[in-house]
């Protein structure tokens, strides 16, 4: 997250995209358990010389036939400028889950969560969100194939120096869990973020400079239960945490 006082007069190197977008698993038939599908992350730095008014993910290959749920989280520098993400396959913006939350450390900035069930997919699937051209923004998207509903989701914010542990989500059966970590450190230095409890980090932007840092981790569970995740990062910092269970 940028510090406006620290960053006055500096311009970050152009930044637009980091991603992983694998083909969907072959088990996208009805009745099969939820599984991780395609995923992508894109970001724009604060006052980037090549800033865009719309930030888009790289193209993904997502499941066809409305057999997936796509979970999206967005973090941005200007909390007043949030706009619901859209894609090039589905006609309406993604519904928001819960409220937009400000960072305790950066009250004019924040994060939000969205999800689209029964998503129309296919090759060349791109998600995007509008932004102010001089703002910093990160958008992270995760497809859960065979996921028909968001069974539970939780948000919390933890101050640095404490265990960075999410609230627990409860499932009634097999599910894919999607965790978003939004750290609140300043612009200096490279960062790291790792997750425990069997969660695997699939995408992240942890570079130095004025941007919204983010890490995304997932875990697939085979039984009903309540699950959480604890993050470890360098430097020590607080974070906003979202945890979503798709069944």
C-alpha atoms as a PDB file:
ATOM      1  CA  UNK A   1       0.000   0.000   0.000  1.00  0.00           C
ATOM      2  CA  UNK A   2       1.392   3.379  -0.894  1.00  0.00           C
ATOM      3  CA  UNK A   3       2.076   6.190   1.500  1.00  0.00           C
ATOM      4  CA  UNK A   4       1.007   9.362  -0.280  1.00  0.00           C
ATOM      5  CA  UNK A   5       3.546  11.421   1.746  1.00  0.00           C
ATOM      6  CA  UNK A   6       6.404   9.050   0.960  1.00  0.00           C
ATOM      7  CA  UNK A   7       5.564   8.771  -2.706  1.00  0.00           C
ATOM      8  CA  UNK A   8       5.023  12.375  -3.718  1.00  0.00           C
ATOM      9  CA  UNK A   9       7.084  13.131  -6.793  1.00  0.00           C
ATOM     10  CA  UNK A  10       7.989   9.495  -7.485  1.00  0.00           C
ATOM     11  CA  UNK A  11       6.638   7.408 -10.314  1.00  0.00           C
ATOM     12  CA  UNK A  12       6.652   3.640 -10.252  1.00  0.00           C
ATOM     13  CA  UNK A  13       7.727   1.563 -13.193  1.00  0.00           C
ATOM     14  CA  UNK A  14       4.762   0.544 -15.321  1.00  0.00           C
ATOM     15  CA  UNK A  15       3.071  -2.482 -13.961  1.00  0.00           C
ATOM     16  CA  UNK A  16       0.233  -4.207 -15.346  1.00  0.00           C
ATOM     17  CA  UNK A  17      -0.043  -7.946 -15.015  1.00  0.00           C
ATOM     18  CA  UNK A  18       0.962 -11.031 -13.126  1.00  0.00           C
ATOM     19  CA  UNK A  19      -1.019 -14.214 -13.453  1.00  0.00           C
ATOM     20  CA  UNK A  20      -1.421 -17.923 -13.693  1.00  0.00           C
ATOM     21  CA  UNK A  21      -4.258 -19.172 -15.839  1.00  0.00           C
ATOM     22  CA  UNK A  22      -4.246 -22.946 -16.310  1.00  0.00           C
ATOM     23  CA  UNK A  23      -6.811 -24.858 -18.278  1.00  0.00           C
ATOM     24  CA  UNK A  24      -9.718 -26.066 -16.143  1.00  0.00           C
ATOM     25  CA  UNK A  25      -9.543 -29.604 -14.763  1.00  0.00           C
ATOM     26  CA  UNK A  26     -11.287 -32.270 -16.801  1.00  0.00           C
ATOM     27  CA  UNK A  27     -13.654 -33.179 -13.936  1.00  0.00           C
ATOM     28  CA  UNK A  28     -16.165 -30.411 -14.607  1.00  0.00           C
ATOM     29  CA  UNK A  29     -19.155 -32.738 -14.791  1.00  0.00           C
ATOM     30  CA  UNK A  30     -22.186 -32.254 -12.595  1.00  0.00           C
ATOM     31  CA  UNK A  31     -22.057 -34.123  -9.297  1.00  0.00           C
ATOM     32  CA  UNK A  32     -18.280 -34.016  -8.929  1.00  0.00           C
ATOM     33  CA  UNK A  33     -16.723 -32.153  -5.991  1.00  0.00           C
ATOM     34  CA  UNK A  34     -15.480 -28.568  -6.268  1.00  0.00           C
ATOM     35  CA  UNK A  35     -11.922 -28.106  -7.545  1.00  0.00           C
ATOM     36  CA  UNK A  36      -9.539 -25.264  -8.334  1.00  0.00           C
ATOM     37  CA  UNK A  37      -9.849 -24.007 -11.895  1.00  0.00           C
ATOM     38  CA  UNK A  38      -8.264 -21.043 -13.644  1.00  0.00           C
ATOM     39  CA  UNK A  39      -6.924 -18.081 -11.696  1.00  0.00           C
ATOM     40  CA  UNK A  40      -5.320 -14.742 -12.457  1.00  0.00           C
ATOM     41  CA  UNK A  41      -4.056 -11.575 -10.815  1.00  0.00           C
ATOM     42  CA  UNK A  42      -3.494  -8.124 -12.294  1.00  0.00           C
ATOM     43  CA  UNK A  43      -2.265  -4.902 -10.712  1.00  0.00           C
ATOM     44  CA  UNK A  44      -1.558  -1.280 -11.428  1.00  0.00           C
ATOM     45  CA  UNK A  45       0.884   0.861  -9.463  1.00  0.00           C
ATOM     46  CA  UNK A  46       0.112   4.252  -7.980  1.00  0.00           C
ATOM     47  CA  UNK A  47       0.668   6.973 -10.573  1.00  0.00           C
ATOM     48  CA  UNK A  48       2.120   4.555 -13.078  1.00  0.00           C
ATOM     49  CA  UNK A  49       3.222   6.333 -16.285  1.00  0.00           C
ATOM     50  CA  UNK A  50       1.312   3.699 -18.256  1.00  0.00           C
ATOM     51  CA  UNK A  51      -1.805   3.806 -16.067  1.00  0.00           C
ATOM     52  CA  UNK A  52      -5.110   2.542 -17.450  1.00  0.00           C
ATOM     53  CA  UNK A  53      -8.701   3.442 -16.588  1.00  0.00           C
ATOM     54  CA  UNK A  54      -9.656  -0.265 -16.719  1.00  0.00           C
ATOM     55  CA  UNK A  55      -7.430  -2.963 -15.222  1.00  0.00           C
ATOM     56  CA  UNK A  56      -7.932  -6.410 -16.776  1.00  0.00           C
ATOM     57  CA  UNK A  57      -6.647  -9.881 -15.982  1.00  0.00           C
ATOM     58  CA  UNK A  58      -4.858 -11.936 -18.610  1.00  0.00           C
ATOM     59  CA  UNK A  59      -7.144 -14.225 -20.573  1.00  0.00           C
ATOM     60  CA  UNK A  60      -8.055 -17.470 -18.802  1.00  0.00           C
ATOM     61  CA  UNK A  61      -9.571 -20.737 -19.973  1.00  0.00           C
ATOM     62  CA  UNK A  62     -12.564 -21.368 -17.714  1.00  0.00           C
ATOM     63  CA  UNK A  63     -15.182 -24.108 -17.634  1.00  0.00           C
ATOM     64  CA  UNK A  64     -18.133 -23.884 -20.008  1.00  0.00           C
ATOM     65  CA  UNK A  65     -21.762 -24.681 -19.269  1.00  0.00           C
ATOM     66  CA  UNK A  66     -22.184 -22.553 -16.157  1.00  0.00           C
ATOM     67  CA  UNK A  67     -20.425 -25.151 -14.032  1.00  0.00           C
ATOM     68  CA  UNK A  68     -18.187 -22.878 -12.001  1.00  0.00           C
ATOM     69  CA  UNK A  69     -18.153 -20.095  -9.451  1.00  0.00           C
ATOM     70  CA  UNK A  70     -15.637 -17.273  -9.880  1.00  0.00           C
ATOM     71  CA  UNK A  71     -14.469 -15.519  -6.715  1.00  0.00           C
ATOM     72  CA  UNK A  72     -12.856 -12.083  -7.051  1.00  0.00           C
ATOM     73  CA  UNK A  73     -11.229  -9.779  -4.526  1.00  0.00           C
ATOM     74  CA  UNK A  74     -10.108  -6.228  -5.261  1.00  0.00           C
ATOM     75  CA  UNK A  75      -7.869  -3.936  -3.230  1.00  0.00           C
ATOM     76  CA  UNK A  76      -7.372  -0.318  -4.165  1.00  0.00           C
ATOM     77  CA  UNK A  77      -5.868   2.934  -2.961  1.00  0.00           C
ATOM     78  CA  UNK A  78      -9.020   5.070  -3.315  1.00  0.00           C
ATOM     79  CA  UNK A  79     -11.849   3.377  -1.434  1.00  0.00           C
ATOM     80  CA  UNK A  80     -14.325   5.854  -2.931  1.00  0.00           C
ATOM     81  CA  UNK A  81     -13.602   4.553  -6.442  1.00  0.00           C
ATOM     82  CA  UNK A  82     -14.646   0.898  -6.036  1.00  0.00           C
ATOM     83  CA  UNK A  83     -16.626  -0.514  -8.964  1.00  0.00           C
ATOM     84  CA  UNK A  84     -18.007  -4.026  -9.319  1.00  0.00           C
ATOM     85  CA  UNK A  85     -15.859  -6.161 -11.639  1.00  0.00           C
ATOM     86  CA  UNK A  86     -17.172  -7.474 -14.928  1.00  0.00           C
ATOM     87  CA  UNK A  87     -16.033 -10.012 -17.497  1.00  0.00           C
ATOM     88  CA  UNK A  88     -16.384 -10.605 -21.213  1.00  0.00           C
ATOM     89  CA  UNK A  89     -18.533 -13.734 -20.891  1.00  0.00           C
ATOM     90  CA  UNK A  90     -21.345 -12.751 -18.505  1.00  0.00           C
ATOM     91  CA  UNK A  91     -23.733  -9.829 -19.022  1.00  0.00           C
ATOM     92  CA  UNK A  92     -23.879  -8.333 -15.518  1.00  0.00           C
ATOM     93  CA  UNK A  93     -21.308  -7.098 -12.984  1.00  0.00           C
ATOM     94  CA  UNK A  94     -20.260  -9.530 -10.275  1.00  0.00           C
ATOM     95  CA  UNK A  95     -22.381  -9.411  -7.084  1.00  0.00           C
ATOM     96  CA  UNK A  96     -20.560  -8.109  -4.020  1.00  0.00           C
ATOM     97  CA  UNK A  97     -20.281 -10.277  -0.918  1.00  0.00           C
ATOM     98  CA  UNK A  98     -20.386  -8.310   2.313  1.00  0.00           C
ATOM     99  CA  UNK A  99     -19.126  -4.758   2.674  1.00  0.00           C
ATOM    100  CA  UNK A 100     -16.133  -2.841   1.385  1.00  0.00           C
ATOM    101  CA  UNK A 101     -13.598  -2.562   4.228  1.00  0.00           C
ATOM    102  CA  UNK A 102     -11.059   0.188   4.862  1.00  0.00           C
ATOM    103  CA  UNK A 103      -7.546  -0.586   6.059  1.00  0.00           C
ATOM    104  CA  UNK A 104      -6.950   0.509   9.654  1.00  0.00           C
ATOM    105  CA  UNK A 105      -3.485   1.582   8.527  1.00  0.00           C
ATOM    106  CA  UNK A 106      -4.712   3.348   5.368  1.00  0.00           C
ATOM    107  CA  UNK A 107      -8.326   4.464   5.978  1.00  0.00           C
ATOM    108  CA  UNK A 108      -8.792   5.972   2.520  1.00  0.00           C
ATOM    109  CA  UNK A 109      -7.945   2.578   0.925  1.00  0.00           C
ATOM    110  CA  UNK A 110      -9.734  -0.751   1.137  1.00  0.00           C
ATOM    111  CA  UNK A 111     -10.690  -4.198  -0.151  1.00  0.00           C
ATOM    112  CA  UNK A 112     -13.872  -5.881  -1.339  1.00  0.00           C
ATOM    113  CA  UNK A 113     -15.081  -9.360  -2.311  1.00  0.00           C
ATOM    114  CA  UNK A 114     -17.281 -10.520  -5.191  1.00  0.00           C
ATOM    115  CA  UNK A 115     -18.493 -13.859  -6.564  1.00  0.00           C
ATOM    116  CA  UNK A 116     -20.455 -15.067  -9.579  1.00  0.00           C
ATOM    117  CA  UNK A 117     -22.090 -18.492  -9.436  1.00  0.00           C
ATOM    118  CA  UNK A 118     -23.110 -20.361 -12.577  1.00  0.00           C
ATOM    119  CA  UNK A 119     -20.516 -18.383 -14.491  1.00  0.00           C
ATOM    120  CA  UNK A 120     -20.451 -18.656 -18.272  1.00  0.00           C
ATOM    121  CA  UNK A 121     -16.873 -19.516 -19.207  1.00  0.00           C
ATOM    122  CA  UNK A 122     -14.654 -20.567 -22.059  1.00  0.00           C
ATOM    123  CA  UNK A 123     -11.366 -19.584 -23.653  1.00  0.00           C
ATOM    124  CA  UNK A 124     -10.272 -15.965 -23.602  1.00  0.00           C
ATOM    125  CA  UNK A 125     -12.088 -15.247 -20.316  1.00  0.00           C
ATOM    126  CA  UNK A 126     -11.033 -11.800 -19.009  1.00  0.00           C
ATOM    127  CA  UNK A 127     -12.139 -10.008 -15.827  1.00  0.00           C
ATOM    128  CA  UNK A 128     -11.774  -6.265 -15.402  1.00  0.00           C
ATOM    129  CA  UNK A 129     -12.625  -3.371 -13.122  1.00  0.00           C
ATOM    130  CA  UNK A 130     -12.647   0.386 -13.610  1.00  0.00           C
ATOM    131  CA  UNK A 131     -10.183   2.623 -11.817  1.00  0.00           C
ATOM    132  CA  UNK A 132      -8.954   6.170 -11.548  1.00  0.00           C
ATOM    133  CA  UNK A 133      -5.971   6.430 -13.857  1.00  0.00           C
ATOM    134  CA  UNK A 134      -3.608   7.539 -11.063  1.00  0.00           C
ATOM    135  CA  UNK A 135      -4.778   4.959  -8.494  1.00  0.00           C
ATOM    136  CA  UNK A 136      -3.136   1.742  -7.342  1.00  0.00           C
ATOM    137  CA  UNK A 137      -5.307  -1.374  -7.727  1.00  0.00           C
ATOM    138  CA  UNK A 138      -4.996  -5.157  -7.566  1.00  0.00           C
ATOM    139  CA  UNK A 139      -7.646  -7.612  -8.787  1.00  0.00           C
ATOM    140  CA  UNK A 140      -7.397 -11.350  -8.077  1.00  0.00           C
ATOM    141  CA  UNK A 141      -9.781 -13.931  -9.552  1.00  0.00           C
ATOM    142  CA  UNK A 142     -10.171 -17.645  -8.765  1.00  0.00           C
ATOM    143  CA  UNK A 143     -12.444 -20.113 -10.555  1.00  0.00           C
ATOM    144  CA  UNK A 144     -13.888 -23.068  -8.628  1.00  0.00           C
ATOM    145  CA  UNK A 145     -15.154 -25.676 -11.077  1.00  0.00           C
ATOM    146  CA  UNK A 146     -18.118 -27.787  -9.969  1.00  0.00           C
ATOM    147  CA  UNK A 147     -18.758 -25.078  -7.386  1.00  0.00           C
ATOM    148  CA  UNK A 148     -22.425 -24.181  -7.302  1.00  0.00           C
ATOM    149  CA  UNK A 149     -22.678 -21.864  -4.318  1.00  0.00           C
ATOM    150  CA  UNK A 150     -20.726 -19.746  -1.855  1.00  0.00           C
ATOM    151  CA  UNK A 151     -21.408 -21.686   1.313  1.00  0.00           C
ATOM    152  CA  UNK A 152     -19.710 -19.254   3.691  1.00  0.00           C
ATOM    153  CA  UNK A 153     -17.349 -16.280   3.656  1.00  0.00           C
ATOM    154  CA  UNK A 154     -15.627 -14.250   6.362  1.00  0.00           C
ATOM    155  CA  UNK A 155     -13.608 -11.034   6.614  1.00  0.00           C
ATOM    156  CA  UNK A 156     -11.365  -9.815   9.403  1.00  0.00           C
ATOM    157  CA  UNK A 157      -8.473  -7.444   9.915  1.00  0.00           C
ATOM    158  CA  UNK A 158      -5.519  -8.150  12.201  1.00  0.00           C
ATOM    159  CA  UNK A 159      -2.906  -5.682  13.404  1.00  0.00           C
ATOM    160  CA  UNK A 160       0.776  -6.412  12.870  1.00  0.00           C
ATOM    161  CA  UNK A 161       2.522  -8.331  15.628  1.00  0.00           C
ATOM    162  CA  UNK A 162      -0.458 -10.650  16.181  1.00  0.00           C
ATOM    163  CA  UNK A 163      -1.160 -14.046  14.582  1.00  0.00           C
ATOM    164  CA  UNK A 164      -2.586 -13.185  11.151  1.00  0.00           C
ATOM    165  CA  UNK A 165      -5.403 -15.718  11.364  1.00  0.00           C
ATOM    166  CA  UNK A 166      -8.654 -15.595   9.419  1.00  0.00           C
ATOM    167  CA  UNK A 167     -12.044 -16.243  10.879  1.00  0.00           C
ATOM    168  CA  UNK A 168     -13.311 -19.759  10.257  1.00  0.00           C
ATOM    169  CA  UNK A 169     -15.677 -20.727   7.453  1.00  0.00           C
ATOM    170  CA  UNK A 170     -18.009 -23.690   7.811  1.00  0.00           C
ATOM    171  CA  UNK A 171     -18.782 -26.173   5.039  1.00  0.00           C
ATOM    172  CA  UNK A 172     -21.482 -28.831   4.882  1.00  0.00           C
ATOM    173  CA  UNK A 173     -19.483 -31.102   2.577  1.00  0.00           C
ATOM    174  CA  UNK A 174     -16.645 -31.019   0.024  1.00  0.00           C
ATOM    175  CA  UNK A 175     -15.521 -27.491  -0.816  1.00  0.00           C
ATOM    176  CA  UNK A 176     -12.729 -25.411  -2.268  1.00  0.00           C
ATOM    177  CA  UNK A 177     -11.544 -22.685   0.086  1.00  0.00           C
ATOM    178  CA  UNK A 178     -10.158 -19.429  -1.325  1.00  0.00           C
ATOM    179  CA  UNK A 179      -8.124 -17.121   0.934  1.00  0.00           C
ATOM    180  CA  UNK A 180      -7.051 -13.550   0.154  1.00  0.00           C
ATOM    181  CA  UNK A 181      -4.319 -11.786   2.141  1.00  0.00           C
ATOM    182  CA  UNK A 182      -4.084  -8.005   1.788  1.00  0.00           C
ATOM    183  CA  UNK A 183      -1.021  -6.834   3.734  1.00  0.00           C
ATOM    184  CA  UNK A 184      -0.767  -3.274   5.037  1.00  0.00           C
ATOM    185  CA  UNK A 185       3.001  -2.635   4.944  1.00  0.00           C
ATOM    186  CA  UNK A 186       4.375   0.496   3.262  1.00  0.00           C
ATOM    187  CA  UNK A 187       6.149   0.843  -0.046  1.00  0.00           C
ATOM    188  CA  UNK A 188       9.688  -0.115   0.994  1.00  0.00           C
ATOM    189  CA  UNK A 189      11.183  -3.505   0.110  1.00  0.00           C
ATOM    190  CA  UNK A 190      10.054  -6.839  -1.252  1.00  0.00           C
ATOM    191  CA  UNK A 191       7.471  -8.776   0.796  1.00  0.00           C
ATOM    192  CA  UNK A 192       6.653 -12.436   1.403  1.00  0.00           C
ATOM    193  CA  UNK A 193       3.395 -14.126   2.427  1.00  0.00           C
ATOM    194  CA  UNK A 194       2.821 -17.817   3.147  1.00  0.00           C
ATOM    195  CA  UNK A 195      -0.207 -19.720   4.437  1.00  0.00           C
ATOM    196  CA  UNK A 196      -0.571 -22.753   6.728  1.00  0.00           C
ATOM    197  CA  UNK A 197      -3.138 -25.536   7.225  1.00  0.00           C
ATOM    198  CA  UNK A 198      -2.581 -26.991   3.763  1.00  0.00           C
ATOM    199  CA  UNK A 199      -3.351 -23.797   1.844  1.00  0.00           C
ATOM    200  CA  UNK A 200      -1.180 -23.290  -1.242  1.00  0.00           C
ATOM    201  CA  UNK A 201      -0.386 -19.804  -2.523  1.00  0.00           C
ATOM    202  CA  UNK A 202      -1.381 -19.657  -6.199  1.00  0.00           C
ATOM    203  CA  UNK A 203      -0.950 -15.952  -7.039  1.00  0.00           C
ATOM    204  CA  UNK A 204       0.644 -12.918  -5.416  1.00  0.00           C
ATOM    205  CA  UNK A 205       2.005  -9.434  -5.963  1.00  0.00           C
ATOM    206  CA  UNK A 206       4.601  -8.666  -3.275  1.00  0.00           C
ATOM    207  CA  UNK A 207       6.995  -6.275  -4.990  1.00  0.00           C
ATOM    208  CA  UNK A 208       8.378  -3.083  -3.512  1.00  0.00           C
ATOM    209  CA  UNK A 209       6.904   0.246  -4.487  1.00  0.00           C
ATOM    210  CA  UNK A 210       3.496   1.882  -4.403  1.00  0.00           C
ATOM    211  CA  UNK A 211       1.005  -0.884  -5.117  1.00  0.00           C
ATOM    212  CA  UNK A 212      -1.642  -2.934  -3.324  1.00  0.00           C
ATOM    213  CA  UNK A 213       0.059  -6.115  -2.162  1.00  0.00           C
ATOM    214  CA  UNK A 214      -1.956  -9.319  -2.272  1.00  0.00           C
ATOM    215  CA  UNK A 215      -1.541 -13.073  -1.930  1.00  0.00           C
ATOM    216  CA  UNK A 216      -4.110 -15.734  -2.839  1.00  0.00           C
ATOM    217  CA  UNK A 217      -4.141 -19.285  -1.469  1.00  0.00           C
ATOM    218  CA  UNK A 218      -6.523 -22.209  -1.917  1.00  0.00           C
ATOM    219  CA  UNK A 219      -7.290 -25.555  -0.324  1.00  0.00           C
ATOM    220  CA  UNK A 220      -9.784 -28.260  -1.287  1.00  0.00           C
ATOM    221  CA  UNK A 221     -11.471 -30.182   1.544  1.00  0.00           C
ATOM    222  CA  UNK A 222     -13.401 -33.418   1.273  1.00  0.00           C
ATOM    223  CA  UNK A 223     -15.599 -33.230   4.361  1.00  0.00           C
ATOM    224  CA  UNK A 224     -17.815 -30.873   6.292  1.00  0.00           C
ATOM    225  CA  UNK A 225     -16.044 -28.794   8.907  1.00  0.00           C
ATOM    226  CA  UNK A 226     -14.858 -25.364   9.993  1.00  0.00           C
ATOM    227  CA  UNK A 227     -11.595 -24.156   8.487  1.00  0.00           C
ATOM    228  CA  UNK A 228      -9.281 -21.181   8.910  1.00  0.00           C
ATOM    229  CA  UNK A 229      -5.821 -20.112   7.753  1.00  0.00           C
ATOM    230  CA  UNK A 230      -2.911 -18.300   9.368  1.00  0.00           C
ATOM    231  CA  UNK A 231      -0.565 -16.192   7.257  1.00  0.00           C
ATOM    232  CA  UNK A 232       3.103 -15.455   7.885  1.00  0.00           C
ATOM    233  CA  UNK A 233       4.694 -12.480   6.166  1.00  0.00           C
ATOM    234  CA  UNK A 234       7.841 -10.408   5.942  1.00  0.00           C
ATOM    235  CA  UNK A 235       8.131  -7.735   7.028  1.00  0.00           C
ATOM    236  CA  UNK A 236       5.864  -8.229  10.049  1.00  0.00           C
ATOM    237  CA  UNK A 237       2.646  -6.388   9.204  1.00  0.00           C
ATOM    238  CA  UNK A 238      -1.084  -6.419   9.621  1.00  0.00           C
ATOM    239  CA  UNK A 239      -3.531  -7.548   6.944  1.00  0.00           C
ATOM    240  CA  UNK A 240      -7.100  -7.731   5.810  1.00  0.00           C
ATOM    241  CA  UNK A 241      -8.173 -11.344   5.316  1.00  0.00           C
ATOM    242  CA  UNK A 242     -11.006 -12.843   3.281  1.00  0.00           C
ATOM    243  CA  UNK A 243     -11.822 -16.568   3.371  1.00  0.00           C
ATOM    244  CA  UNK A 244     -14.454 -18.067   1.067  1.00  0.00           C
ATOM    245  CA  UNK A 245     -15.891 -21.594   0.928  1.00  0.00           C
ATOM    246  CA  UNK A 246     -17.345 -22.677  -2.433  1.00  0.00           C
ATOM    247  CA  UNK A 247     -19.378 -25.896  -2.491  1.00  0.00           C
END
